Amino acid sequence: MNTKQIKKIRRRAKTIMVEWLHSLLPEHERKLVNEKNVLDYAPKQTHYVFQNQVRLSAWSYKWIIKKLKRNPYLTFEQLDAIIKGTENIPSGIKRW
């Protein structure tokens, strides 16, 4: 992948991670999380084992980058819909 494109995807992934953490945290802790320190607040466990396979955990930095490589225009709401399996998944996007 092109270096310029991957830089944009990585920046966008951090923005999406901030939105995700803001949706989980209470109001007074949301102010502490920004794009510069989002990886410090993110869960440390990035993989899990399922049926003797190591899989990438949802909402990890790598997982978001992987999804954005397939479709760089995904938003936080669309990624959340993909995980939850709700109706507003954009056409042409696989659930997993």
C-alpha atoms as a PDB file:
ATOM      1  CA  MET A   1       0.000   0.000   0.000  1.00  0.00           C
ATOM      2  CA  ASN A   2       1.110   3.526  -0.729  1.00  0.00           C
ATOM      3  CA  THR A   3       2.925   5.288   2.135  1.00  0.00           C
ATOM      4  CA  LYS A   4       0.697   8.360   1.920  1.00  0.00           C
ATOM      5  CA  GLN A   5      -2.449   6.243   2.063  1.00  0.00           C
ATOM      6  CA  ILE A   6      -1.288   4.188   5.032  1.00  0.00           C
ATOM      7  CA  LYS A   7      -0.406   7.378   6.960  1.00  0.00           C
ATOM      8  CA  LYS A   8      -3.952   8.644   6.422  1.00  0.00           C
ATOM      9  CA  ILE A   9      -5.379   5.298   7.499  1.00  0.00           C
ATOM     10  CA  ARG A  10      -3.280   5.239  10.682  1.00  0.00           C
ATOM     11  CA  ARG A  11      -4.369   8.773  11.591  1.00  0.00           C
ATOM     12  CA  ARG A  12      -7.995   7.888  10.915  1.00  0.00           C
ATOM     13  CA  ALA A  13      -7.636   4.720  13.016  1.00  0.00           C
ATOM     14  CA  LYS A  14      -6.527   6.780  15.999  1.00  0.00           C
ATOM     15  CA  THR A  15      -9.481   9.130  15.525  1.00  0.00           C
ATOM     16  CA  ILE A  16     -11.863   6.168  15.460  1.00  0.00           C
ATOM     17  CA  MET A  17     -10.233   4.697  18.567  1.00  0.00           C
ATOM     18  CA  VAL A  18     -10.762   8.008  20.390  1.00  0.00           C
ATOM     19  CA  GLU A  19     -14.449   7.952  19.408  1.00  0.00           C
ATOM     20  CA  TRP A  20     -14.751   4.352  20.603  1.00  0.00           C
ATOM     21  CA  LEU A  21     -13.117   5.083  23.962  1.00  0.00           C
ATOM     22  CA  HIS A  22     -15.289   8.180  24.395  1.00  0.00           C
ATOM     23  CA  SER A  23     -18.349   5.967  23.945  1.00  0.00           C
ATOM     24  CA  LEU A  24     -17.158   3.750  26.819  1.00  0.00           C
ATOM     25  CA  LEU A  25     -15.821   6.276  29.318  1.00  0.00           C
ATOM     26  CA  PRO A  26     -17.789   8.525  31.679  1.00  0.00           C
ATOM     27  CA  GLU A  27     -17.959  12.237  30.910  1.00  0.00           C
ATOM     28  CA  HIS A  28     -15.181  13.377  33.280  1.00  0.00           C
ATOM     29  CA  GLU A  29     -12.675  10.856  31.868  1.00  0.00           C
ATOM     30  CA  ARG A  30     -13.387  11.614  28.203  1.00  0.00           C
ATOM     31  CA  LYS A  31     -11.354  14.808  28.414  1.00  0.00           C
ATOM     32  CA  LEU A  32      -8.220  12.793  29.186  1.00  0.00           C
ATOM     33  CA  VAL A  33      -8.265  10.757  25.958  1.00  0.00           C
ATOM     34  CA  ASN A  34      -7.009  12.321  22.742  1.00  0.00           C
ATOM     35  CA  GLU A  35      -5.234  11.136  19.591  1.00  0.00           C
ATOM     36  CA  LYS A  36      -1.788  11.530  21.128  1.00  0.00           C
ATOM     37  CA  ASN A  37      -2.382   9.247  24.111  1.00  0.00           C
ATOM     38  CA  VAL A  38      -5.148   6.953  22.832  1.00  0.00           C
ATOM     39  CA  LEU A  39      -2.820   3.950  22.608  1.00  0.00           C
ATOM     40  CA  ASP A  40      -2.024   4.308  26.320  1.00  0.00           C
ATOM     41  CA  TYR A  41      -5.719   3.980  27.171  1.00  0.00           C
ATOM     42  CA  ALA A  42      -6.425   1.196  24.674  1.00  0.00           C
ATOM     43  CA  PRO A  43      -6.604  -2.409  25.918  1.00  0.00           C
ATOM     44  CA  LYS A  44      -3.218  -4.114  25.974  1.00  0.00           C
ATOM     45  CA  GLN A  45      -4.563  -7.477  24.844  1.00  0.00           C
ATOM     46  CA  THR A  46      -4.738  -7.287  21.041  1.00  0.00           C
ATOM     47  CA  HIS A  47      -5.272 -10.978  20.271  1.00  0.00           C
ATOM     48  CA  TYR A  48      -7.297 -13.881  21.627  1.00  0.00           C
ATOM     49  CA  VAL A  49      -7.332 -17.639  21.057  1.00  0.00           C
ATOM     50  CA  PHE A  50     -10.401 -19.255  19.487  1.00  0.00           C
ATOM     51  CA  GLN A  51     -10.441 -22.898  18.370  1.00  0.00           C
ATOM     52  CA  ASN A  52      -6.648 -23.146  18.473  1.00  0.00           C
ATOM     53  CA  GLN A  53      -6.228 -20.023  16.343  1.00  0.00           C
ATOM     54  CA  VAL A  54      -4.898 -16.659  17.404  1.00  0.00           C
ATOM     55  CA  ARG A  55      -7.331 -13.961  16.286  1.00  0.00           C
ATOM     56  CA  LEU A  56      -7.230 -10.177  16.280  1.00  0.00           C
ATOM     57  CA  SER A  57      -9.448  -8.571  18.928  1.00  0.00           C
ATOM     58  CA  ALA A  58     -12.117  -6.133  17.825  1.00  0.00           C
ATOM     59  CA  TRP A  59     -11.370  -2.459  18.440  1.00  0.00           C
ATOM     60  CA  SER A  60      -7.617  -2.981  18.659  1.00  0.00           C
ATOM     61  CA  TYR A  61      -5.480  -0.554  16.653  1.00  0.00           C
ATOM     62  CA  LYS A  62      -4.481  -3.276  14.189  1.00  0.00           C
ATOM     63  CA  TRP A  63      -8.090  -4.401  13.733  1.00  0.00           C
ATOM     64  CA  ILE A  64      -9.237  -0.875  12.874  1.00  0.00           C
ATOM     65  CA  ILE A  65      -6.379  -0.468  10.394  1.00  0.00           C
ATOM     66  CA  LYS A  66      -7.291  -3.796   8.795  1.00  0.00           C
ATOM     67  CA  LYS A  67     -10.912  -2.683   8.339  1.00  0.00           C
ATOM     68  CA  LEU A  68      -9.883   0.745   7.019  1.00  0.00           C
ATOM     69  CA  LYS A  69      -7.589  -0.840   4.434  1.00  0.00           C
ATOM     70  CA  ARG A  70     -10.625  -2.572   2.955  1.00  0.00           C
ATOM     71  CA  ASN A  71     -12.706   0.609   3.019  1.00  0.00           C
ATOM     72  CA  PRO A  72     -10.891   3.831   4.027  1.00  0.00           C
ATOM     73  CA  TYR A  73     -14.178   5.758   4.340  1.00  0.00           C
ATOM     74  CA  LEU A  74     -15.647   3.745   7.212  1.00  0.00           C
ATOM     75  CA  THR A  75     -16.800   5.686  10.250  1.00  0.00           C
ATOM     76  CA  PHE A  76     -17.032   4.717  13.900  1.00  0.00           C
ATOM     77  CA  GLU A  77     -20.780   4.153  13.588  1.00  0.00           C
ATOM     78  CA  GLN A  78     -20.329   1.850  10.596  1.00  0.00           C
ATOM     79  CA  LEU A  79     -17.617  -0.187  12.326  1.00  0.00           C
ATOM     80  CA  ASP A  80     -19.826  -0.472  15.388  1.00  0.00           C
ATOM     81  CA  ALA A  81     -22.685  -1.650  13.169  1.00  0.00           C
ATOM     82  CA  ILE A  82     -20.428  -4.283  11.600  1.00  0.00           C
ATOM     83  CA  ILE A  83     -19.632  -5.722  15.023  1.00  0.00           C
ATOM     84  CA  LYS A  84     -23.187  -5.574  16.324  1.00  0.00           C
ATOM     85  CA  GLY A  85     -24.692  -6.836  13.064  1.00  0.00           C
ATOM     86  CA  THR A  86     -27.256  -4.041  12.788  1.00  0.00           C
ATOM     87  CA  GLU A  87     -29.024  -2.765   9.705  1.00  0.00           C
ATOM     88  CA  ASN A  88     -26.916   0.255   8.727  1.00  0.00           C
ATOM     89  CA  ILE A  89     -23.929  -1.676   7.380  1.00  0.00           C
ATOM     90  CA  PRO A  90     -22.833  -0.118   4.070  1.00  0.00           C
ATOM     91  CA  SER A  91     -23.369  -2.290   1.033  1.00  0.00           C
ATOM     92  CA  GLY A  92     -20.399  -4.325  -0.111  1.00  0.00           C
ATOM     93  CA  ILE A  93     -18.904  -4.696   3.375  1.00  0.00           C
ATOM     94  CA  LYS A  94     -18.598  -8.079   4.979  1.00  0.00           C
ATOM     95  CA  ARG A  95     -19.567  -8.428   8.606  1.00  0.00           C
ATOM     96  CA  TRP A  96     -16.229 -10.055   9.470  1.00  0.00           C
END
